[in-house]
Amino acid sequence: MSVNKNSILVLTCRNLDAGGGASYRTLHLVKYMSKVFNVFVLDAQRNTFIIARDGYVARKRLKKSLVISLLSLVPLALNRVLALFRLPKEEVGRISYIFDLGILLDAIRIGSKVKPSLLLVEEFYSLAALALIMKKILGCKALILDLHNIDTFRLMRYPNVNKLFLKLIYLTELVACRISNAVIVVSKFDHHITERLLYSSRVYVTHTGGI
């Protein structure tokens, strides 16, 4: 790993090897940015990371840490507990990753070597709180949040959604936007919703995958 002041560290709780629309968007953005920056990605697979340069990505292995592997089970266990209350499965997963200390420690391991200028949180806005800690520890210039969806707005349209859970999602998404230096969204409509619903004035629309 080479140290570069123009490095970006990307965080997501999705396994990018598994495929799917969200993974494709993340990888597309990462490849796009890697034409200018050295990009390092931490996803759901602990003790590994993805490196992207010149539009190509490759997965690399870190020295295995039993502590990190065990800590990565915390959000999974919390996810199962919350699922017992018949809450929306995908959103429960996003909330549980507030406590993903495994990705936090992996990020510190990577970040201490590559010294990223920027931290980018992909889709899982619940990671923003951990990313803020990383930003302070690593001395990053900015924290950017990429909202693939506006989950609060989407859940508001569900007729039988648990109101207390909706408030928890809203609070988590709101705080994530407020503590980020910039928020990127996929459409002008999401731009409008983010400004009005989440009170963020630093919102930008991505069209081609760039910031």
Protein backbone atom coordinates (compact mmCIF):
# COMPACT_ATOMS: atom_id res chain seq x y z
CA MET A 1 0.00 0.00 0.00
CA SER A 2 1.42 3.38 -0.95
CA VAL A 3 0.77 6.50 1.08
CA ASN A 4 -0.84 9.24 -0.98
CA LYS A 5 -2.29 12.54 0.21
CA ASN A 6 -4.93 12.13 -2.51
CA SER A 7 -6.29 8.85 -1.19
CA ILE A 8 -9.96 8.16 -0.45
CA LEU A 9 -11.19 5.55 2.02
CA VAL A 10 -14.66 4.18 1.23
CA LEU A 11 -16.85 2.43 3.81
CA THR A 12 -19.83 0.20 3.12
CA CYS A 13 -21.47 -2.67 4.98
CA ARG A 14 -22.48 -4.38 1.75
CA ASN A 15 -20.44 -7.30 0.40
CA LEU A 16 -19.33 -5.88 -2.93
CA ASP A 17 -18.52 -9.34 -4.29
CA ALA A 18 -22.16 -10.39 -3.98
CA GLY A 19 -23.45 -8.22 -6.83
CA GLY A 20 -26.68 -6.25 -6.99
CA GLY A 21 -27.60 -2.68 -7.90
CA ALA A 22 -26.18 -1.02 -4.79
CA SER A 23 -22.88 -2.88 -5.13
CA TYR A 24 -22.69 -1.94 -8.81
CA ARG A 25 -23.23 1.74 -8.01
CA THR A 26 -20.52 1.67 -5.34
CA LEU A 27 -18.00 -0.08 -7.56
CA HIS A 28 -18.83 2.22 -10.48
CA LEU A 29 -18.19 5.26 -8.29
CA VAL A 30 -14.99 3.74 -6.90
CA LYS A 31 -13.63 2.97 -10.39
CA TYR A 32 -14.52 6.47 -11.56
CA MET A 33 -12.72 8.12 -8.64
CA SER A 34 -9.69 5.83 -8.99
CA LYS A 35 -8.76 7.57 -12.24
CA VAL A 36 -7.77 10.57 -10.12
CA PHE A 37 -7.28 9.21 -6.59
CA ASN A 38 -5.97 6.09 -4.93
CA VAL A 39 -9.16 4.53 -3.57
CA PHE A 40 -9.34 1.97 -0.75
CA VAL A 41 -12.63 0.25 0.08
CA LEU A 42 -13.76 -1.56 3.22
CA ASP A 43 -16.92 -3.60 2.74
CA ALA A 44 -18.65 -6.41 4.66
CA GLN A 45 -15.65 -8.76 4.40
CA ARG A 46 -13.43 -8.22 7.43
CA ASN A 47 -9.65 -8.53 7.38
CA THR A 48 -9.64 -7.61 3.69
CA PHE A 49 -9.92 -4.44 1.62
CA ILE A 50 -10.37 -3.45 -2.01
CA ILE A 51 -7.87 -1.22 -3.78
CA ALA A 52 -8.82 0.70 -6.92
CA ARG A 53 -6.43 2.39 -9.34
CA ASP A 54 -6.95 3.62 -12.90
CA GLY A 55 -10.44 2.14 -13.13
CA TYR A 56 -9.52 -1.35 -11.91
CA VAL A 57 -10.27 -3.00 -8.55
CA ALA A 58 -8.63 -5.86 -6.69
CA ARG A 59 -9.22 -7.37 -3.26
CA LYS A 60 -6.27 -7.57 -0.89
CA ARG A 61 -5.92 -9.34 2.43
CA LEU A 62 -5.00 -7.83 5.77
CA LYS A 63 -3.32 -9.75 8.55
CA LYS A 64 -6.16 -11.68 10.15
CA SER A 65 -7.38 -10.36 13.49
CA LEU A 66 -9.58 -12.56 15.68
CA VAL A 67 -10.73 -9.52 17.65
CA ILE A 68 -11.93 -7.75 14.51
CA SER A 69 -13.65 -10.91 13.27
CA LEU A 70 -15.52 -11.25 16.59
CA LEU A 71 -16.49 -7.57 16.70
CA SER A 72 -17.97 -7.90 13.23
CA LEU A 73 -20.54 -10.31 14.70
CA VAL A 74 -22.01 -7.61 16.98
CA PRO A 75 -24.17 -5.88 14.33
CA LEU A 76 -25.25 -9.27 12.95
CA ALA A 77 -26.42 -10.36 16.41
CA LEU A 78 -28.22 -7.05 16.94
CA ASN A 79 -29.82 -7.41 13.54
CA ARG A 80 -31.33 -10.76 14.56
CA VAL A 81 -32.62 -9.38 17.85
CA LEU A 82 -34.32 -6.41 16.16
CA ALA A 83 -35.76 -8.72 13.50
CA LEU A 84 -37.77 -10.44 16.24
CA PHE A 85 -39.92 -7.31 16.44
CA ARG A 86 -40.91 -7.73 12.77
CA LEU A 87 -39.29 -4.49 11.73
CA PRO A 88 -38.29 -3.93 8.08
CA LYS A 89 -35.33 -6.24 7.51
CA GLU A 90 -33.17 -3.99 5.33
CA GLU A 91 -33.59 -0.92 7.53
CA VAL A 92 -32.89 -2.95 10.68
CA GLY A 93 -29.59 -3.92 9.09
CA ARG A 94 -28.67 -0.31 8.50
CA ILE A 95 -29.38 0.63 12.12
CA SER A 96 -27.41 -2.29 13.55
CA TYR A 97 -24.26 -1.21 11.70
CA ILE A 98 -23.96 1.79 14.01
CA PHE A 99 -22.15 -0.74 16.20
CA ASP A 100 -19.86 -2.21 13.53
CA LEU A 101 -16.61 -1.88 15.48
CA GLY A 102 -14.98 -4.42 13.17
CA ILE A 103 -15.08 -2.04 10.21
CA LEU A 104 -13.92 0.76 12.50
CA LEU A 105 -10.76 -1.11 13.47
CA ASP A 106 -10.08 -2.25 9.91
CA ALA A 107 -10.49 1.35 8.75
CA ILE A 108 -7.99 2.55 11.33
CA ARG A 109 -5.56 -0.19 10.26
CA ILE A 110 -5.83 0.85 6.60
CA GLY A 111 -6.14 4.57 7.24
CA SER A 112 -3.05 4.80 9.41
CA LYS A 113 -1.01 3.56 6.42
CA VAL A 114 -2.65 5.29 3.45
CA LYS A 115 -3.61 8.51 5.30
CA PRO A 116 -6.75 9.30 3.25
CA SER A 117 -7.77 12.88 2.58
CA LEU A 118 -11.44 11.93 2.33
CA LEU A 119 -13.79 9.40 3.90
CA LEU A 120 -16.77 8.31 1.81
CA VAL A 121 -19.68 6.41 3.40
CA GLU A 122 -21.67 4.45 0.84
CA GLU A 123 -25.40 3.78 1.38
CA PHE A 124 -25.15 2.79 5.05
CA TYR A 125 -25.65 6.23 6.65
CA SER A 126 -25.48 4.53 10.06
CA LEU A 127 -21.72 4.25 9.48
CA ALA A 128 -21.40 8.04 9.49
CA ALA A 129 -20.97 8.19 13.28
CA LEU A 130 -18.07 5.71 13.13
CA ALA A 131 -16.68 7.57 10.12
CA LEU A 132 -16.68 10.80 12.12
CA ILE A 133 -14.53 9.08 14.75
CA MET A 134 -12.21 7.85 11.99
CA LYS A 135 -12.04 11.34 10.50
CA LYS A 136 -10.76 12.76 13.77
CA ILE A 137 -8.33 9.90 14.40
CA LEU A 138 -6.95 9.88 10.84
CA GLY A 139 -7.03 13.64 10.34
CA CYS A 140 -9.12 13.47 7.15
CA LYS A 141 -10.20 16.71 5.52
CA ALA A 142 -13.82 15.73 4.88
CA LEU A 143 -16.52 13.11 5.38
CA ILE A 144 -18.86 12.54 2.43
CA LEU A 145 -22.12 10.60 2.63
CA ASP A 146 -23.57 8.90 -0.47
CA LEU A 147 -27.30 8.29 -0.01
CA HIS A 148 -28.42 5.63 -2.48
CA ASN A 149 -31.97 6.15 -1.20
CA ILE A 150 -33.72 8.47 1.23
CA ASP A 151 -34.95 5.74 3.56
CA THR A 152 -37.02 8.03 5.76
CA PHE A 153 -39.04 9.23 2.77
CA ARG A 154 -39.43 5.70 1.42
CA LEU A 155 -40.67 4.33 4.76
CA MET A 156 -43.13 7.20 5.21
CA ARG A 157 -45.06 5.80 2.26
CA TYR A 158 -45.56 2.42 3.97
CA PRO A 159 -49.05 2.43 5.56
CA ASN A 160 -48.23 0.06 8.45
CA VAL A 161 -44.68 1.13 9.29
CA ASN A 162 -43.78 1.17 12.98
CA LYS A 163 -43.84 4.87 13.92
CA LEU A 164 -41.17 4.57 16.59
CA PHE A 165 -38.87 2.74 14.20
CA LEU A 166 -39.53 5.37 11.53
CA LYS A 167 -38.41 8.06 13.99
CA LEU A 168 -35.24 6.08 14.73
CA ILE A 169 -34.45 5.78 11.01
CA TYR A 170 -35.13 9.49 10.54
CA LEU A 171 -32.91 10.48 13.47
CA THR A 172 -30.07 8.27 12.24
CA GLU A 173 -30.32 9.56 8.67
CA LEU A 174 -30.66 13.16 9.86
CA VAL A 175 -27.59 12.98 12.12
CA ALA A 176 -25.58 11.31 9.35
CA CYS A 177 -26.37 14.18 6.98
CA ARG A 178 -25.63 16.84 9.57
CA ILE A 179 -22.21 15.49 10.56
CA SER A 180 -21.10 14.96 6.95
CA ASN A 181 -19.27 17.70 5.07
CA ALA A 182 -21.22 16.86 1.92
CA VAL A 183 -24.07 14.56 0.85
CA ILE A 184 -24.40 13.10 -2.64
CA VAL A 185 -27.66 11.74 -4.08
CA VAL A 186 -28.75 10.12 -7.34
CA SER A 187 -31.40 12.56 -8.62
CA LYS A 188 -32.70 16.11 -8.45
CA PHE A 189 -35.78 14.77 -6.67
CA ASP A 190 -33.62 13.18 -3.94
CA HIS A 191 -31.71 16.47 -3.77
CA HIS A 192 -34.96 18.28 -3.01
CA ILE A 193 -36.09 15.70 -0.44
CA THR A 194 -32.72 15.72 1.33
CA GLU A 195 -32.75 19.50 1.63
CA ARG A 196 -36.36 19.67 2.85
CA LEU A 197 -36.60 16.54 4.99
CA LEU A 198 -33.06 16.16 6.30
CA TYR A 199 -32.22 19.87 6.44
CA SER A 200 -28.95 19.48 4.58
CA SER A 201 -27.69 22.40 2.48
CA ARG A 202 -24.59 20.60 1.20
CA VAL A 203 -26.26 18.20 -1.25
CA TYR A 204 -24.93 17.33 -4.70
CA VAL A 205 -26.36 15.14 -7.48
CA THR A 206 -24.15 12.51 -9.14
CA HIS A 207 -24.88 11.72 -12.77
CA THR A 208 -21.88 9.74 -13.98
CA GLY A 209 -20.55 8.37 -10.68
CA GLY A 210 -18.25 11.32 -9.94
CA ILE A 211 -18.56 13.72 -7.00
